[in-house]
Amino acid sequence: MFNNPLESFHDMVAEAKEEREQLDRLLTISTPRERVLVAAIAVFLLILSAWLLFGNMARSIAFNGILVEQGATLSEGSRHVQALAWIQSGTAPSIEAGMPVMVELDTKDTETGALDGAVKSVSAIPFSEEMSAFPPAASVSLYRVDIALEEGLVADHLSSRDCRLVIVLGRQAPIELFLTKRL
């Protein structure tokens, strides 16, 4: 008939204590295995953030081409070759002389798969009147890429060969990949 105010207060205190104990159980890392897991995740995140800020990685572009002619042997035993390739107009100005290049040859009938060298020059090839009637769909242009190879090869092996040119533009921090716009 008469509600005891002390009894309801004791119930409220007991209920609050039970809720706190449940929260403590949820937030407590009690076993050594759980502590090791949390420490491993923290170390991984620390290493990842340090690599994103202070690490570096190569930035390169690749495009298909064809080797058209091979020049005479240059000083230090290197050989000069020229390749024709379709390169996007915005990408071509970023290619400079001296940049490392890897020429991946189409390996149908030879054992040579890739050759290392350096870019000597990049020059645009103007369209002829016949070619201007059929412009490419994308904003690409035909370029002649002169390459000084590090190793000398016989001229028969490289003339009129399909290839893929991979040019290393430089090195950058990984975080810059997220902060810059794509080429």
Protein backbone atom coordinates (compact mmCIF):
# COMPACT_ATOMS: atom_id res chain seq x y z
CA MET A 1 0.00 0.00 0.00
CA PHE A 2 2.69 2.47 0.83
CA ASN A 3 5.77 2.64 -1.49
CA ASN A 4 9.04 2.57 0.32
CA PRO A 5 11.25 5.38 -1.18
CA LEU A 6 14.42 3.72 0.11
CA GLU A 7 13.65 0.51 -1.67
CA SER A 8 13.37 2.19 -5.07
CA PHE A 9 16.63 4.08 -4.41
CA HIS A 10 18.42 0.80 -3.63
CA ASP A 11 17.04 -0.71 -6.82
CA MET A 12 18.29 2.25 -8.87
CA VAL A 13 21.77 2.02 -7.33
CA ALA A 14 21.94 -1.73 -7.96
CA GLU A 15 20.80 -1.27 -11.56
CA ALA A 16 23.38 1.49 -12.19
CA LYS A 17 26.12 -0.68 -10.66
CA GLU A 18 25.16 -3.55 -12.94
CA GLU A 19 25.29 -1.28 -16.02
CA ARG A 20 28.75 -0.03 -15.02
CA GLU A 21 29.99 -3.59 -14.60
CA GLN A 22 28.70 -4.48 -18.07
CA LEU A 23 30.47 -1.46 -19.56
CA ASP A 24 33.68 -2.36 -17.70
CA ARG A 25 33.53 -5.88 -19.12
CA LEU A 26 33.08 -4.50 -22.64
CA LEU A 27 35.94 -2.02 -22.38
CA THR A 28 38.44 -4.06 -20.40
CA ILE A 29 41.18 -5.91 -22.21
CA SER A 30 41.75 -8.64 -19.71
CA THR A 31 43.74 -11.44 -21.31
CA PRO A 32 47.35 -11.19 -22.51
CA ARG A 33 46.28 -12.33 -25.97
CA GLU A 34 43.94 -9.37 -26.31
CA ARG A 35 46.67 -6.98 -25.14
CA VAL A 36 49.11 -8.39 -27.72
CA LEU A 37 46.48 -7.99 -30.45
CA VAL A 38 45.83 -4.34 -29.52
CA ALA A 39 49.59 -3.64 -29.36
CA ALA A 40 50.15 -5.31 -32.77
CA ILE A 41 47.39 -3.22 -34.34
CA ALA A 42 48.85 -0.04 -32.83
CA VAL A 43 52.36 -0.88 -34.11
CA PHE A 44 50.98 -1.69 -37.57
CA LEU A 45 49.11 1.63 -37.74
CA LEU A 46 52.21 3.50 -36.56
CA ILE A 47 54.42 1.85 -39.21
CA LEU A 48 51.82 2.42 -41.93
CA SER A 49 51.46 6.11 -41.10
CA ALA A 50 55.27 6.55 -40.98
CA TRP A 51 55.58 4.88 -44.41
CA LEU A 52 52.81 7.05 -45.87
CA LEU A 53 54.56 10.21 -44.68
CA PHE A 54 58.27 9.40 -44.97
CA GLY A 55 58.49 6.45 -47.40
CA ASN A 56 58.96 6.74 -51.14
CA MET A 57 57.93 4.82 -54.19
CA ALA A 58 58.67 4.99 -57.88
CA ARG A 59 56.23 6.85 -60.11
CA SER A 60 56.26 5.54 -63.66
CA ILE A 61 54.25 5.51 -66.85
CA ALA A 62 53.99 2.74 -69.42
CA PHE A 63 52.88 2.75 -73.02
CA ASN A 64 53.08 0.50 -76.06
CA GLY A 65 55.32 1.26 -79.00
CA ILE A 66 57.41 -0.18 -81.79
CA LEU A 67 61.19 -0.02 -82.18
CA VAL A 68 61.91 1.53 -85.57
CA GLU A 69 65.67 1.84 -85.90
CA GLN A 70 68.86 1.15 -84.06
CA GLY A 71 71.80 3.53 -84.18
CA ALA A 72 75.50 2.99 -83.79
CA THR A 73 77.14 2.01 -80.54
CA LEU A 74 77.59 5.01 -78.30
CA SER A 75 80.30 5.63 -75.73
CA GLU A 76 80.57 3.18 -72.82
CA GLY A 77 79.16 0.31 -74.91
CA SER A 78 75.55 1.51 -74.95
CA ARG A 79 73.39 1.36 -78.08
CA HIS A 80 70.96 3.97 -79.34
CA VAL A 81 67.42 2.90 -80.40
CA GLN A 82 64.30 4.80 -81.39
CA ALA A 83 60.72 3.84 -80.61
CA LEU A 84 57.43 5.21 -81.91
CA ALA A 85 54.67 5.38 -79.32
CA TRP A 86 51.25 6.94 -78.79
CA ILE A 87 51.53 9.07 -75.65
CA GLN A 88 48.86 11.20 -74.01
CA SER A 89 49.49 14.87 -74.66
CA GLY A 90 49.50 15.79 -70.95
CA THR A 91 51.99 13.07 -70.10
CA ALA A 92 54.65 13.76 -72.73
CA PRO A 93 55.98 17.03 -71.20
CA SER A 94 56.80 15.21 -67.95
CA ILE A 95 59.25 12.89 -69.77
CA GLU A 96 62.76 14.35 -69.69
CA ALA A 97 66.17 13.29 -70.96
CA GLY A 98 68.08 11.05 -68.57
CA MET A 99 65.04 9.34 -67.04
CA PRO A 100 65.42 5.57 -66.63
CA VAL A 101 63.44 3.48 -69.10
CA MET A 102 62.81 -0.24 -69.39
CA VAL A 103 62.03 -1.61 -72.85
CA GLU A 104 59.95 -4.78 -72.55
CA LEU A 105 60.22 -6.60 -75.88
CA ASP A 106 57.56 -8.85 -77.35
CA THR A 107 59.20 -12.24 -76.63
CA LYS A 108 57.81 -14.42 -79.41
CA ASP A 109 61.05 -15.70 -80.88
CA THR A 110 63.89 -14.38 -78.71
CA GLU A 111 65.25 -14.91 -75.25
CA THR A 112 65.64 -11.19 -74.49
CA GLY A 113 62.63 -9.93 -72.52
CA ALA A 114 63.58 -6.51 -71.14
CA LEU A 115 66.33 -3.98 -71.69
CA ASP A 116 67.32 -1.12 -69.41
CA GLY A 117 68.37 2.29 -70.62
CA ALA A 118 67.82 6.02 -70.36
CA VAL A 119 65.68 8.45 -72.35
CA LYS A 120 67.81 10.64 -74.65
CA SER A 121 64.97 12.72 -76.09
CA VAL A 122 61.26 12.75 -76.80
CA SER A 123 59.88 14.53 -79.85
CA ALA A 124 56.41 14.76 -81.32
CA ILE A 125 55.89 13.51 -84.85
CA PRO A 126 53.58 15.84 -86.81
CA PHE A 127 50.57 14.33 -88.52
CA SER A 128 50.72 14.01 -92.26
CA GLU A 129 47.74 15.15 -94.32
CA GLU A 130 46.49 11.58 -94.70
CA MET A 131 46.74 10.92 -90.96
CA SER A 132 45.01 14.20 -90.00
CA ALA A 133 41.80 12.98 -91.67
CA PHE A 134 41.62 10.21 -89.03
CA PRO A 135 42.51 11.77 -85.65
CA PRO A 136 42.74 9.37 -82.70
CA ALA A 137 39.75 9.19 -80.36
CA ALA A 138 41.75 10.10 -77.24
CA SER A 139 44.04 13.08 -76.74
CA VAL A 140 47.18 11.21 -77.77
CA SER A 141 49.94 12.02 -80.21
CA LEU A 142 52.65 10.03 -81.91
CA TYR A 143 56.08 10.55 -80.34
CA ARG A 144 59.58 9.40 -81.20
CA VAL A 145 61.46 8.31 -78.08
CA ASP A 146 65.26 8.06 -78.39
CA ILE A 147 66.73 5.59 -75.91
CA ALA A 148 70.33 4.84 -74.95
CA LEU A 149 70.40 1.16 -73.95
CA GLU A 150 72.82 -0.05 -71.31
CA GLU A 151 73.77 -3.21 -73.15
CA GLY A 152 74.66 -3.64 -76.83
CA LEU A 153 72.65 -6.02 -79.03
CA VAL A 154 72.76 -7.09 -82.64
CA ALA A 155 70.71 -4.76 -84.87
CA ASP A 156 68.62 -7.60 -86.31
CA HIS A 157 67.13 -8.35 -82.92
CA LEU A 158 65.53 -4.94 -82.35
CA SER A 159 64.33 -3.63 -85.70
CA SER A 160 60.53 -3.49 -86.12
CA ARG A 161 59.78 -5.08 -82.75
CA ASP A 162 56.69 -4.38 -80.70
CA CYS A 163 57.60 -3.22 -77.23
CA ARG A 164 56.28 -1.69 -74.04
CA LEU A 165 58.17 1.29 -72.63
CA VAL A 166 58.15 1.87 -68.87
CA ILE A 167 59.62 5.26 -67.92
CA VAL A 168 60.34 6.10 -64.27
CA LEU A 169 59.27 9.71 -63.73
CA GLY A 170 60.64 10.00 -60.21
CA ARG A 171 60.01 9.06 -56.62
CA GLN A 172 57.35 10.40 -54.29
CA ALA A 173 55.88 9.85 -50.84
CA PRO A 174 52.89 7.48 -50.86
CA ILE A 175 50.65 10.10 -49.27
CA GLU A 176 51.08 12.21 -52.43
CA LEU A 177 49.10 9.62 -54.37
CA PHE A 178 46.02 10.68 -52.46
CA LEU A 179 46.77 14.41 -52.63
CA THR A 180 47.55 14.85 -56.35
CA LYS A 181 45.35 14.43 -59.38
CA ARG A 182 45.98 11.59 -61.81
CA LEU A 183 47.80 11.99 -65.12
